[in-house]
Amino acid sequence: MAIGDGIRRNIAEVSSIERDRFIEAIRKLDTTKFFPDGVSYWDKQEEIHKNAHFNGVDVHGGPAFIPWHRVIVNRLEALLREVDPALSLHYWNWTTNPRVASGPRAALFTDRRDRDVPLGF
């Protein structure tokens, strides 16, 4: 598997180079890409997600979750590809520690890639 193959992989298993490109793409969505109302692409995505919880509505708990989530994930991937066309939106296996790096794995939330780091959050 290589960058640009269009496959969504576990973010903890991508190379450090791909992880860094992914993080840089997110930074660019927040600092260089803006809608006409002045809101960054990243902040608009967050706003859409946050608004799905207003007034006691929790999209995560109802029958609309799967189609809603599919749309928001596909939308984020399209935005990422605007700043780096070779990237795919990866997934995070929530059953594993995203700060752990071993072998060729890249830790997601830290630059420390050479040993286990306690979650601490």
PDB file of N, CA and C in Angstrom:
ATOM      1  N   MET A   1       0.842  -1.177   0.000  1.00  0.00           N
ATOM      2  CA  MET A   1       0.000   0.000   0.000  1.00  0.00           C
ATOM      3  C   MET A   1       0.886   1.237   0.000  1.00  0.00           C
ATOM      4  N   ALA A   2       0.470   2.217  -0.767  1.00  0.00           N
ATOM      5  CA  ALA A   2       1.273   3.426  -0.893  1.00  0.00           C
ATOM      6  C   ALA A   2       0.385   4.653  -0.813  1.00  0.00           C
ATOM      7  N   ILE A   3       0.999   5.775  -0.473  1.00  0.00           N
ATOM      8  CA  ILE A   3       0.262   7.040  -0.462  1.00  0.00           C
ATOM      9  C   ILE A   3      -0.344   7.235  -1.842  1.00  0.00           C
ATOM     10  N   GLY A   4      -1.611   7.614  -1.869  1.00  0.00           N
ATOM     11  CA  GLY A   4      -2.293   7.842  -3.135  1.00  0.00           C
ATOM     12  C   GLY A   4      -3.037   6.645  -3.676  1.00  0.00           C
ATOM     13  N   ASP A   5      -3.049   5.537  -2.931  1.00  0.00           N
ATOM     14  CA  ASP A   5      -3.750   4.348  -3.420  1.00  0.00           C
ATOM     15  C   ASP A   5      -5.248   4.388  -3.130  1.00  0.00           C
ATOM     16  N   GLY A   6      -5.699   5.412  -2.387  1.00  0.00           N
ATOM     17  CA  GLY A   6      -7.123   5.579  -2.114  1.00  0.00           C
ATOM     18  C   GLY A   6      -7.674   4.681  -1.034  1.00  0.00           C
ATOM     19  N   ILE A   7      -6.817   3.967  -0.327  1.00  0.00           N
ATOM     20  CA  ILE A   7      -7.262   3.041   0.707  1.00  0.00           C
ATOM     21  C   ILE A   7      -7.215   3.728   2.063  1.00  0.00           C
ATOM     22  N   ARG A   8      -8.293   3.598   2.819  1.00  0.00           N
ATOM     23  CA  ARG A   8      -8.328   4.111   4.186  1.00  0.00           C
ATOM     24  C   ARG A   8      -7.708   3.068   5.104  1.00  0.00           C
ATOM     25  N   ARG A   9      -6.640   3.475   5.797  1.00  0.00           N
ATOM     26  CA  ARG A   9      -5.929   2.563   6.684  1.00  0.00           C
ATOM     27  C   ARG A   9      -6.003   3.058   8.116  1.00  0.00           C
ATOM     28  N   ASN A  10      -5.671   2.187   9.055  1.00  0.00           N
ATOM     29  CA  ASN A  10      -5.555   2.556  10.456  1.00  0.00           C
ATOM     30  C   ASN A  10      -4.432   3.580  10.568  1.00  0.00           C
ATOM     31  N   ILE A  11      -4.732   4.769  11.095  1.00  0.00           N
ATOM     32  CA  ILE A  11      -3.752   5.849  11.171  1.00  0.00           C
ATOM     33  C   ILE A  11      -2.518   5.434  11.965  1.00  0.00           C
ATOM     34  N   ALA A  12      -2.675   4.532  12.922  1.00  0.00           N
ATOM     35  CA  ALA A  12      -1.535   4.086  13.721  1.00  0.00           C
ATOM     36  C   ALA A  12      -0.582   3.203  12.923  1.00  0.00           C
ATOM     37  N   GLU A  13      -0.999   2.750  11.755  1.00  0.00           N
ATOM     38  CA  GLU A  13      -0.166   1.849  10.966  1.00  0.00           C
ATOM     39  C   GLU A  13       0.415   2.489   9.717  1.00  0.00           C
ATOM     40  N   VAL A  14       0.151   3.767   9.490  1.00  0.00           N
ATOM     41  CA  VAL A  14       0.745   4.430   8.329  1.00  0.00           C
ATOM     42  C   VAL A  14       2.169   4.833   8.667  1.00  0.00           C
ATOM     43  N   SER A  15       2.941   5.125   7.649  1.00  0.00           N
ATOM     44  CA  SER A  15       4.324   5.547   7.871  1.00  0.00           C
ATOM     45  C   SER A  15       4.353   6.919   8.539  1.00  0.00           C
ATOM     46  N   SER A  16       5.461   7.241   9.139  1.00  0.00           N
ATOM     47  CA  SER A  16       5.628   8.564   9.747  1.00  0.00           C
ATOM     48  C   SER A  16       5.474   9.657   8.701  1.00  0.00           C
ATOM     49  N   ILE A  17       5.932   9.402   7.491  1.00  0.00           N
ATOM     50  CA  ILE A  17       5.820  10.393   6.414  1.00  0.00           C
ATOM     51  C   ILE A  17       4.352  10.654   6.093  1.00  0.00           C
ATOM     52  N   GLU A  18       3.576   9.580   5.966  1.00  0.00           N
ATOM     53  CA  GLU A  18       2.157   9.751   5.656  1.00  0.00           C
ATOM     54  C   GLU A  18       1.428  10.399   6.817  1.00  0.00           C
ATOM     55  N   ARG A  19       1.757  10.024   8.041  1.00  0.00           N
ATOM     56  CA  ARG A  19       1.160  10.655   9.219  1.00  0.00           C
ATOM     57  C   ARG A  19       1.427  12.154   9.210  1.00  0.00           C
ATOM     58  N   ASP A  20       2.674  12.534   8.935  1.00  0.00           N
ATOM     59  CA  ASP A  20       3.030  13.955   8.919  1.00  0.00           C
ATOM     60  C   ASP A  20       2.305  14.697   7.802  1.00  0.00           C
ATOM     61  N   ARG A  21       2.146  14.062   6.647  1.00  0.00           N
ATOM     62  CA  ARG A  21       1.390  14.691   5.548  1.00  0.00           C
ATOM     63  C   ARG A  21      -0.066  14.876   5.930  1.00  0.00           C
ATOM     64  N   PHE A  22      -0.629  13.887   6.613  1.00  0.00           N
ATOM     65  CA  PHE A  22      -2.014  13.967   7.064  1.00  0.00           C
ATOM     66  C   PHE A  22      -2.201  15.135   8.033  1.00  0.00           C
ATOM     67  N   ILE A  23      -1.311  15.245   9.010  1.00  0.00           N
ATOM     68  CA  ILE A  23      -1.398  16.343   9.983  1.00  0.00           C
ATOM     69  C   ILE A  23      -1.221  17.693   9.286  1.00  0.00           C
ATOM     70  N   GLU A  24      -0.280  17.765   8.356  1.00  0.00           N
ATOM     71  CA  GLU A  24      -0.066  19.019   7.624  1.00  0.00           C
ATOM     72  C   GLU A  24      -1.302  19.382   6.801  1.00  0.00           C
ATOM     73  N   ALA A  25      -1.960  18.401   6.220  1.00  0.00           N
ATOM     74  CA  ALA A  25      -3.178  18.673   5.450  1.00  0.00           C
ATOM     75  C   ALA A  25      -4.264  19.244   6.358  1.00  0.00           C
ATOM     76  N   ILE A  26      -4.398  18.708   7.551  1.00  0.00           N
ATOM     77  CA  ILE A  26      -5.386  19.244   8.489  1.00  0.00           C
ATOM     78  C   ILE A  26      -5.027  20.676   8.863  1.00  0.00           C
ATOM     79  N   ARG A  27      -3.747  20.935   9.108  1.00  0.00           N
ATOM     80  CA  ARG A  27      -3.318  22.309   9.409  1.00  0.00           C
ATOM     81  C   ARG A  27      -3.674  23.256   8.270  1.00  0.00           C
ATOM     82  N   LYS A  28      -3.444  22.818   7.044  1.00  0.00           N
ATOM     83  CA  LYS A  28      -3.762  23.662   5.887  1.00  0.00           C
ATOM     84  C   LYS A  28      -5.256  23.928   5.792  1.00  0.00           C
ATOM     85  N   LEU A  29      -6.077  22.920   6.114  1.00  0.00           N
ATOM     86  CA  LEU A  29      -7.528  23.126   6.095  1.00  0.00           C
ATOM     87  C   LEU A  29      -7.939  24.208   7.092  1.00  0.00           C
ATOM     88  N   ASP A  30      -7.171  24.354   8.148  1.00  0.00           N
ATOM     89  CA  ASP A  30      -7.494  25.331   9.188  1.00  0.00           C
ATOM     90  C   ASP A  30      -6.840  26.691   8.956  1.00  0.00           C
ATOM     91  N   THR A  31      -5.794  26.749   8.139  1.00  0.00           N
ATOM     92  CA  THR A  31      -5.050  28.003   8.015  1.00  0.00           C
ATOM     93  C   THR A  31      -4.984  28.579   6.610  1.00  0.00           C
ATOM     94  N   THR A  32      -5.341  27.795   5.585  1.00  0.00           N
ATOM     95  CA  THR A  32      -5.207  28.313   4.219  1.00  0.00           C
ATOM     96  C   THR A  32      -6.459  28.184   3.368  1.00  0.00           C
ATOM     97  N   LYS A  33      -7.421  27.401   3.800  1.00  0.00           N
ATOM     98  CA  LYS A  33      -8.640  27.182   3.016  1.00  0.00           C
ATOM     99  C   LYS A  33      -9.841  27.741   3.774  1.00  0.00           C
ATOM    100  N   PHE A  34     -10.527  28.713   3.141  1.00  0.00           N
ATOM    101  CA  PHE A  34     -11.631  29.400   3.811  1.00  0.00           C
ATOM    102  C   PHE A  34     -12.852  29.480   2.911  1.00  0.00           C
ATOM    103  N   PHE A  35     -14.022  29.365   3.541  1.00  0.00           N
ATOM    104  CA  PHE A  35     -15.281  29.594   2.848  1.00  0.00           C
ATOM    105  C   PHE A  35     -15.505  31.099   2.729  1.00  0.00           C
ATOM    106  N   PRO A  36     -16.436  31.532   1.869  1.00  0.00           N
ATOM    107  CA  PRO A  36     -16.680  32.970   1.700  1.00  0.00           C
ATOM    108  C   PRO A  36     -17.043  33.704   2.997  1.00  0.00           C
ATOM    109  N   ASP A  37     -17.583  32.986   3.986  1.00  0.00           N
ATOM    110  CA  ASP A  37     -17.939  33.630   5.253  1.00  0.00           C
ATOM    111  C   ASP A  37     -16.734  33.790   6.183  1.00  0.00           C
ATOM    112  N   GLY A  38     -15.529  33.391   5.714  1.00  0.00           N
ATOM    113  CA  GLY A  38     -14.317  33.553   6.505  1.00  0.00           C
ATOM    114  C   GLY A  38     -14.000  32.404   7.430  1.00  0.00           C
ATOM    115  N   VAL A  39     -14.841  31.392   7.475  1.00  0.00           N
ATOM    116  CA  VAL A  39     -14.615  30.236   8.336  1.00  0.00           C
ATOM    117  C   VAL A  39     -13.723  29.242   7.595  1.00  0.00           C
ATOM    118  N   SER A  40     -12.716  28.716   8.300  1.00  0.00           N
ATOM    119  CA  SER A  40     -11.815  27.750   7.658  1.00  0.00           C
ATOM    120  C   SER A  40     -12.560  26.456   7.360  1.00  0.00           C
ATOM    121  N   TYR A  41     -12.030  25.715   6.395  1.00  0.00           N
ATOM    122  CA  TYR A  41     -12.636  24.423   6.060  1.00  0.00           C
ATOM    123  C   TYR A  41     -12.690  23.531   7.291  1.00  0.00           C
ATOM    124  N   TRP A  42     -11.616  23.519   8.095  1.00  0.00           N
ATOM    125  CA  TRP A  42     -11.563  22.674   9.290  1.00  0.00           C
ATOM    126  C   TRP A  42     -12.621  23.110  10.302  1.00  0.00           C
ATOM    127  N   ASP A  43     -12.711  24.418  10.564  1.00  0.00           N
ATOM    128  CA  ASP A  43     -13.682  24.908  11.545  1.00  0.00           C
ATOM    129  C   ASP A  43     -15.116  24.673  11.081  1.00  0.00           C
ATOM    130  N   LYS A  44     -15.369  24.759   9.783  1.00  0.00           N
ATOM    131  CA  LYS A  44     -16.717  24.488   9.266  1.00  0.00           C
ATOM    132  C   LYS A  44     -17.077  23.024   9.486  1.00  0.00           C
ATOM    133  N   GLN A  45     -16.120  22.136   9.269  1.00  0.00           N
ATOM    134  CA  GLN A  45     -16.369  20.706   9.501  1.00  0.00           C
ATOM    135  C   GLN A  45     -16.707  20.478  10.973  1.00  0.00           C
ATOM    136  N   GLU A  46     -15.944  21.110  11.853  1.00  0.00           N
ATOM    137  CA  GLU A  46     -16.195  20.985  13.294  1.00  0.00           C
ATOM    138  C   GLU A  46     -17.555  21.586  13.654  1.00  0.00           C
ATOM    139  N   GLU A  47     -17.899  22.688  13.030  1.00  0.00           N
ATOM    140  CA  GLU A  47     -19.186  23.344  13.286  1.00  0.00           C
ATOM    141  C   GLU A  47     -20.347  22.429  12.889  1.00  0.00           C
ATOM    142  N   ILE A  48     -20.221  21.779  11.747  1.00  0.00           N
ATOM    143  CA  ILE A  48     -21.264  20.848  11.298  1.00  0.00           C
ATOM    144  C   ILE A  48     -21.415  19.705  12.296  1.00  0.00           C
ATOM    145  N   HIS A  49     -20.295  19.174  12.756  1.00  0.00           N
ATOM    146  CA  HIS A  49     -20.337  18.083  13.729  1.00  0.00           C
ATOM    147  C   HIS A  49     -20.956  18.550  15.038  1.00  0.00           C
ATOM    148  N   LYS A  50     -20.535  19.709  15.520  1.00  0.00           N
ATOM    149  CA  LYS A  50     -21.056  20.262  16.780  1.00  0.00           C
ATOM    150  C   LYS A  50     -22.559  20.534  16.677  1.00  0.00           C
ATOM    151  N   ASN A  51     -22.998  21.058  15.552  1.00  0.00           N
ATOM    152  CA  ASN A  51     -24.417  21.389  15.394  1.00  0.00           C
ATOM    153  C   ASN A  51     -25.311  20.159  15.341  1.00  0.00           C
ATOM    154  N   ALA A  52     -24.714  19.001  15.144  1.00  0.00           N
ATOM    155  CA  ALA A  52     -25.498  17.760  15.158  1.00  0.00           C
ATOM    156  C   ALA A  52     -25.891  17.367  16.579  1.00  0.00           C
ATOM    157  N   HIS A  53     -25.486  18.169  17.570  1.00  0.00           N
ATOM    158  CA  HIS A  53     -25.781  17.872  18.976  1.00  0.00           C
ATOM    159  C   HIS A  53     -26.583  18.975  19.658  1.00  0.00           C
ATOM    160  N   PHE A  54     -27.054  19.941  18.900  1.00  0.00           N
ATOM    161  CA  PHE A  54     -27.809  21.057  19.482  1.00  0.00           C
ATOM    162  C   PHE A  54     -29.205  20.634  19.899  1.00  0.00           C
ATOM    163  N   ASN A  55     -29.743  21.318  20.883  1.00  0.00           N
ATOM    164  CA  ASN A  55     -31.129  21.162  21.331  1.00  0.00           C
ATOM    165  C   ASN A  55     -31.489  19.722  21.688  1.00  0.00           C
ATOM    166  N   GLY A  56     -30.552  19.022  22.287  1.00  0.00           N
ATOM    167  CA  GLY A  56     -30.829  17.665  22.730  1.00  0.00           C
ATOM    168  C   GLY A  56     -30.792  16.621  21.636  1.00  0.00           C
ATOM    169  N   VAL A  57     -30.477  17.037  20.417  1.00  0.00           N
ATOM    170  CA  VAL A  57     -30.383  16.083  19.317  1.00  0.00           C
ATOM    171  C   VAL A  57     -28.985  15.464  19.340  1.00  0.00           C
ATOM    172  N   ASP A  58     -28.924  14.154  19.311  1.00  0.00           N
ATOM    173  CA  ASP A  58     -27.634  13.480  19.250  1.00  0.00           C
ATOM    174  C   ASP A  58     -27.658  12.548  18.060  1.00  0.00           C
ATOM    175  N   VAL A  59     -27.079  13.011  16.972  1.00  0.00           N
ATOM    176  CA  VAL A  59     -27.090  12.229  15.742  1.00  0.00           C
ATOM    177  C   VAL A  59     -26.401  10.880  15.926  1.00  0.00           C
ATOM    178  N   HIS A  60     -25.514  10.774  16.916  1.00  0.00           N
ATOM    179  CA  HIS A  60     -24.807   9.517  17.128  1.00  0.00           C
ATOM    180  C   HIS A  60     -25.714   8.405  17.651  1.00  0.00           C
ATOM    181  N   GLY A  61     -26.863   8.753  18.197  1.00  0.00           N
ATOM    182  CA  GLY A  61     -27.705   7.748  18.811  1.00  0.00           C
ATOM    183  C   GLY A  61     -28.942   7.365  18.037  1.00  0.00           C
ATOM    184  N   GLY A  62     -29.126   7.865  16.860  1.00  0.00           N
ATOM    185  CA  GLY A  62     -30.361   7.577  16.145  1.00  0.00           C
ATOM    186  C   GLY A  62     -30.139   6.858  14.831  1.00  0.00           C
ATOM    187  N   PRO A  63     -31.230   6.613  14.130  1.00  0.00           N
ATOM    188  CA  PRO A  63     -31.142   5.858  12.876  1.00  0.00           C
ATOM    189  C   PRO A  63     -30.451   6.640  11.763  1.00  0.00           C
ATOM    190  N   ALA A  64     -30.329   7.951  11.911  1.00  0.00           N
ATOM    191  CA  ALA A  64     -29.680   8.750  10.873  1.00  0.00           C
ATOM    192  C   ALA A  64     -28.158   8.731  10.983  1.00  0.00           C
ATOM    193  N   PHE A  65     -27.625   8.122  12.044  1.00  0.00           N
ATOM    194  CA  PHE A  65     -26.185   8.188  12.263  1.00  0.00           C
ATOM    195  C   PHE A  65     -25.364   7.669  11.086  1.00  0.00           C
ATOM    196  N   ILE A  66     -25.658   6.488  10.609  1.00  0.00           N
ATOM    197  CA  ILE A  66     -24.814   5.889   9.561  1.00  0.00           C
ATOM    198  C   ILE A  66     -24.791   6.744   8.298  1.00  0.00           C
ATOM    199  N   PRO A  67     -25.936   7.142   7.736  1.00  0.00           N
ATOM    200  CA  PRO A  67     -25.842   7.976   6.534  1.00  0.00           C
ATOM    201  C   PRO A  67     -25.226   9.356   6.819  1.00  0.00           C
ATOM    202  N   TRP A  68     -25.552   9.954   7.976  1.00  0.00           N
ATOM    203  CA  TRP A  68     -24.974  11.252   8.325  1.00  0.00           C
ATOM    204  C   TRP A  68     -23.467  11.144   8.457  1.00  0.00           C
ATOM    205  N   HIS A  69     -23.007  10.126   9.165  1.00  0.00           N
ATOM    206  CA  HIS A  69     -21.570   9.950   9.381  1.00  0.00           C
ATOM    207  C   HIS A  69     -20.852   9.678   8.060  1.00  0.00           C
ATOM    208  N   ARG A  70     -21.449   8.881   7.202  1.00  0.00           N
ATOM    209  CA  ARG A  70     -20.839   8.594   5.897  1.00  0.00           C
ATOM    210  C   ARG A  70     -20.637   9.888   5.109  1.00  0.00           C
ATOM    211  N   VAL A  71     -21.624  10.755   5.125  1.00  0.00           N
ATOM    212  CA  VAL A  71     -21.513  12.024   4.396  1.00  0.00           C
ATOM    213  C   VAL A  71     -20.426  12.908   4.995  1.00  0.00           C
ATOM    214  N   ILE A  72     -20.397  13.052   6.311  1.00  0.00           N
ATOM    215  CA  ILE A  72     -19.416  13.951   6.928  1.00  0.00           C
ATOM    216  C   ILE A  72     -17.998  13.412   6.757  1.00  0.00           C
ATOM    217  N   VAL A  73     -17.813  12.097   6.808  1.00  0.00           N
ATOM    218  CA  VAL A  73     -16.487  11.502   6.602  1.00  0.00           C
ATOM    219  C   VAL A  73     -16.051  11.677   5.146  1.00  0.00           C
ATOM    220  N   ASN A  74     -16.930  11.407   4.204  1.00  0.00           N
ATOM    221  CA  ASN A  74     -16.586  11.588   2.794  1.00  0.00           C
ATOM    222  C   ASN A  74     -16.283  13.050   2.480  1.00  0.00           C
ATOM    223  N   ARG A  75     -17.013  13.950   3.114  1.00  0.00           N
ATOM    224  CA  ARG A  75     -16.786  15.380   2.916  1.00  0.00           C
ATOM    225  C   ARG A  75     -15.402  15.771   3.430  1.00  0.00           C
ATOM    226  N   LEU A  76     -15.029  15.289   4.613  1.00  0.00           N
ATOM    227  CA  LEU A  76     -13.713  15.594   5.165  1.00  0.00           C
ATOM    228  C   LEU A  76     -12.609  15.034   4.262  1.00  0.00           C
ATOM    229  N   GLU A  77     -12.802  13.836   3.752  1.00  0.00           N
ATOM    230  CA  GLU A  77     -11.797  13.267   2.853  1.00  0.00           C
ATOM    231  C   GLU A  77     -11.650  14.117   1.592  1.00  0.00           C
ATOM    232  N   ALA A  78     -12.746  14.591   1.043  1.00  0.00           N
ATOM    233  CA  ALA A  78     -12.677  15.457  -0.139  1.00  0.00           C
ATOM    234  C   ALA A  78     -11.935  16.756   0.171  1.00  0.00           C
ATOM    235  N   LEU A  79     -12.177  17.325   1.354  1.00  0.00           N
ATOM    236  CA  LEU A  79     -11.469  18.536   1.750  1.00  0.00           C
ATOM    237  C   LEU A  79      -9.968  18.267   1.896  1.00  0.00           C
ATOM    238  N   LEU A  80      -9.599  17.145   2.517  1.00  0.00           N
ATOM    239  CA  LEU A  80      -8.186  16.780   2.646  1.00  0.00           C
ATOM    240  C   LEU A  80      -7.527  16.665   1.280  1.00  0.00           C
ATOM    241  N   ARG A  81      -8.239  16.083   0.335  1.00  0.00           N
ATOM    242  CA  ARG A  81      -7.671  15.894  -1.003  1.00  0.00           C
ATOM    243  C   ARG A  81      -7.534  17.209  -1.764  1.00  0.00           C
ATOM    244  N   GLU A  82      -8.233  18.246  -1.323  1.00  0.00           N
ATOM    245  CA  GLU A  82      -8.026  19.556  -1.936  1.00  0.00           C
ATOM    246  C   GLU A  82      -6.641  20.100  -1.613  1.00  0.00           C
ATOM    247  N   VAL A  83      -6.106  19.758  -0.454  1.00  0.00           N
ATOM    248  CA  VAL A  83      -4.776  20.248  -0.089  1.00  0.00           C
ATOM    249  C   VAL A  83      -3.680  19.212  -0.339  1.00  0.00           C
ATOM    250  N   ASP A  84      -4.028  17.937  -0.400  1.00  0.00           N
ATOM    251  CA  ASP A  84      -3.064  16.882  -0.728  1.00  0.00           C
ATOM    252  C   ASP A  84      -3.826  15.756  -1.426  1.00  0.00           C
ATOM    253  N   PRO A  85      -3.879  15.803  -2.763  1.00  0.00           N
ATOM    254  CA  PRO A  85      -4.693  14.836  -3.515  1.00  0.00           C
ATOM    255  C   PRO A  85      -4.312  13.371  -3.306  1.00  0.00           C
ATOM    256  N   ALA A  86      -3.122  13.099  -2.787  1.00  0.00           N
ATOM    257  CA  ALA A  86      -2.698  11.709  -2.598  1.00  0.00           C
ATOM    258  C   ALA A  86      -3.203  11.099  -1.298  1.00  0.00           C
ATOM    259  N   LEU A  87      -3.762  11.915  -0.406  1.00  0.00           N
ATOM    260  CA  LEU A  87      -4.175  11.404   0.903  1.00  0.00           C
ATOM    261  C   LEU A  87      -5.556  10.780   0.880  1.00  0.00           C
ATOM    262  N   SER A  88      -5.714   9.810   1.748  1.00  0.00           N
ATOM    263  CA  SER A  88      -7.031   9.255   2.057  1.00  0.00           C
ATOM    264  C   SER A  88      -7.294   9.559   3.523  1.00  0.00           C
ATOM    265  N   LEU A  89      -8.542   9.615   3.891  1.00  0.00           N
ATOM    266  CA  LEU A  89      -8.889   9.786   5.293  1.00  0.00           C
ATOM    267  C   LEU A  89      -8.740   8.436   5.968  1.00  0.00           C
ATOM    268  N   HIS A  90      -7.887   8.367   6.954  1.00  0.00           N
ATOM    269  CA  HIS A  90      -7.651   7.108   7.646  1.00  0.00           C
ATOM    270  C   HIS A  90      -8.624   6.952   8.810  1.00  0.00           C
ATOM    271  N   TYR A  91      -8.648   5.785   9.361  1.00  0.00           N
ATOM    272  CA  TYR A  91      -9.489   5.553  10.524  1.00  0.00           C
ATOM    273  C   TYR A  91      -8.605   5.313  11.730  1.00  0.00           C
ATOM    274  N   TRP A  92      -9.196   5.437  12.902  1.00  0.00           N
ATOM    275  CA  TRP A  92      -8.490   5.164  14.147  1.00  0.00           C
ATOM    276  C   TRP A  92      -9.178   3.993  14.814  1.00  0.00           C
ATOM    277  N   ASN A  93      -8.445   2.941  15.093  1.00  0.00           N
ATOM    278  CA  ASN A  93      -8.956   1.788  15.817  1.00  0.00           C
ATOM    279  C   ASN A  93      -9.004   2.171  17.292  1.00  0.00           C
ATOM    280  N   TRP A  94     -10.163   2.517  17.785  1.00  0.00           N
ATOM    281  CA  TRP A  94     -10.310   3.048  19.139  1.00  0.00           C
ATOM    282  C   TRP A  94      -9.974   2.037  20.224  1.00  0.00           C
ATOM    283  N   THR A  95      -9.763   0.767  19.863  1.00  0.00           N
ATOM    284  CA  THR A  95      -9.400  -0.229  20.875  1.00  0.00           C
ATOM    285  C   THR A  95      -7.895  -0.231  21.151  1.00  0.00           C
ATOM    286  N   THR A  96      -7.129   0.557  20.430  1.00  0.00           N
ATOM    287  CA  THR A  96      -5.688   0.617  20.638  1.00  0.00           C
ATOM    288  C   THR A  96      -5.280   2.010  21.110  1.00  0.00           C
ATOM    289  N   ASN A  97      -4.123   2.099  21.718  1.00  0.00           N
ATOM    290  CA  ASN A  97      -3.596   3.358  22.222  1.00  0.00           C
ATOM    291  C   ASN A  97      -3.030   4.164  21.056  1.00  0.00           C
ATOM    292  N   PRO A  98      -3.595   5.328  20.741  1.00  0.00           N
ATOM    293  CA  PRO A  98      -3.129   6.093  19.581  1.00  0.00           C
ATOM    294  C   PRO A  98      -1.765   6.738  19.791  1.00  0.00           C
ATOM    295  N   ARG A  99      -1.220   6.654  21.007  1.00  0.00           N
ATOM    296  CA  ARG A  99       0.099   7.233  21.262  1.00  0.00           C
ATOM    297  C   ARG A  99       1.220   6.209  21.153  1.00  0.00           C
ATOM    298  N   VAL A 100       0.872   4.940  20.942  1.00  0.00           N
ATOM    299  CA  VAL A 100       1.881   3.883  20.894  1.00  0.00           C
ATOM    300  C   VAL A 100       2.435   3.759  19.478  1.00  0.00           C
ATOM    301  N   ALA A 101       3.747   3.655  19.394  1.00  0.00           N
ATOM    302  CA  ALA A 101       4.401   3.401  18.118  1.00  0.00           C
ATOM    303  C   ALA A 101       5.367   2.250  18.294  1.00  0.00           C
ATOM    304  N   SER A 102       5.290   1.279  17.403  1.00  0.00           N
ATOM    305  CA  SER A 102       6.243   0.177  17.433  1.00  0.00           C
ATOM    306  C   SER A 102       6.484  -0.267  16.001  1.00  0.00           C
ATOM    307  N   GLY A 103       7.696  -0.679  15.726  1.00  0.00           N
ATOM    308  CA  GLY A 103       8.030  -1.073  14.361  1.00  0.00           C
ATOM    309  C   GLY A 103       7.807   0.088  13.418  1.00  0.00           C
ATOM    310  N   PRO A 104       7.126  -0.134  12.304  1.00  0.00           N
ATOM    311  CA  PRO A 104       6.906   0.950  11.343  1.00  0.00           C
ATOM    312  C   PRO A 104       5.698   1.832  11.677  1.00  0.00           C
ATOM    313  N   ARG A 105       5.058   1.573  12.814  1.00  0.00           N
ATOM    314  CA  ARG A 105       3.837   2.312  13.150  1.00  0.00           C
ATOM    315  C   ARG A 105       4.145   3.733  13.589  1.00  0.00           C
ATOM    316  N   ALA A 106       3.236   4.639  13.307  1.00  0.00           N
ATOM    317  CA  ALA A 106       3.377   6.038  13.703  1.00  0.00           C
ATOM    318  C   ALA A 106       2.386   6.353  14.803  1.00  0.00           C
ATOM    319  N   ALA A 107       2.874   6.951  15.883  1.00  0.00           N
ATOM    320  CA  ALA A 107       1.973   7.386  16.954  1.00  0.00           C
ATOM    321  C   ALA A 107       1.157   8.557  16.434  1.00  0.00           C
ATOM    322  N   LEU A 108      -0.106   8.573  16.760  1.00  0.00           N
ATOM    323  CA  LEU A 108      -1.004   9.579  16.200  1.00  0.00           C
ATOM    324  C   LEU A 108      -0.911  10.928  16.893  1.00  0.00           C
ATOM    325  N   PHE A 109      -0.928  10.957  18.208  1.00  0.00           N
ATOM    326  CA  PHE A 109      -1.062  12.221  18.919  1.00  0.00           C
ATOM    327  C   PHE A 109       0.225  12.742  19.537  1.00  0.00           C
ATOM    328  N   THR A 110       1.352  12.243  19.131  1.00  0.00           N
ATOM    329  CA  THR A 110       2.620  12.674  19.704  1.00  0.00           C
ATOM    330  C   THR A 110       3.734  12.487  18.692  1.00  0.00           C
ATOM    331  N   ASP A 111       4.808  13.240  18.846  1.00  0.00           N
ATOM    332  CA  ASP A 111       5.970  13.051  17.992  1.00  0.00           C
ATOM    333  C   ASP A 111       6.840  11.909  18.481  1.00  0.00           C
ATOM    334  N   ARG A 112       6.558  11.388  19.673  1.00  0.00           N
ATOM    335  CA  ARG A 112       7.354  10.295  20.232  1.00  0.00           C
ATOM    336  C   ARG A 112       6.932   9.004  19.562  1.00  0.00           C
ATOM    337  N   ARG A 113       7.751   8.513  18.666  1.00  0.00           N
ATOM    338  CA  ARG A 113       7.387   7.347  17.865  1.00  0.00           C
ATOM    339  C   ARG A 113       8.145   6.091  18.257  1.00  0.00           C
ATOM    340  N   ASP A 114       9.006   6.170  19.279  1.00  0.00           N
ATOM    341  CA  ASP A 114       9.897   5.064  19.535  1.00  0.00           C
ATOM    342  C   ASP A 114       9.548   4.204  20.735  1.00  0.00           C
ATOM    343  N   ARG A 115       8.519   4.589  21.517  1.00  0.00           N
ATOM    344  CA  ARG A 115       8.168   3.766  22.664  1.00  0.00           C
ATOM    345  C   ARG A 115       6.746   4.084  23.106  1.00  0.00           C
ATOM    346  N   ASP A 116       6.212   3.239  23.955  1.00  0.00           N
ATOM    347  CA  ASP A 116       4.855   3.441  24.458  1.00  0.00           C
ATOM    348  C   ASP A 116       4.791   4.716  25.280  1.00  0.00           C
ATOM    349  N   VAL A 117       3.707   5.426  25.136  1.00  0.00           N
ATOM    350  CA  VAL A 117       3.465   6.635  25.916  1.00  0.00           C
ATOM    351  C   VAL A 117       2.096   6.455  26.569  1.00  0.00           C
ATOM    352  N   PRO A 118       1.984   6.597  27.896  1.00  0.00           N
ATOM    353  CA  PRO A 118       0.672   6.441  28.548  1.00  0.00           C
ATOM    354  C   PRO A 118      -0.363   7.393  27.954  1.00  0.00           C
ATOM    355  N   LEU A 119      -1.601   6.949  27.926  1.00  0.00           N
ATOM    356  CA  LEU A 119      -2.661   7.788  27.382  1.00  0.00           C
ATOM    357  C   LEU A 119      -2.754   9.136  28.092  1.00  0.00           C
ATOM    358  N   GLY A 120      -3.005   9.165  29.354  1.00  0.00           N
ATOM    359  CA  GLY A 120      -3.011  10.389  30.127  1.00  0.00           C
ATOM    360  C   GLY A 120      -4.014  11.443  29.709  1.00  0.00           C
ATOM    361  N   PHE A 121      -5.091  11.072  29.027  1.00  0.00           N
ATOM    362  CA  PHE A 121      -6.109  12.087  28.723  1.00  0.00           C
ATOM    363  C   PHE A 121      -7.455  11.650  29.177  1.00  0.00           C
TER     364      PHE A 121
END
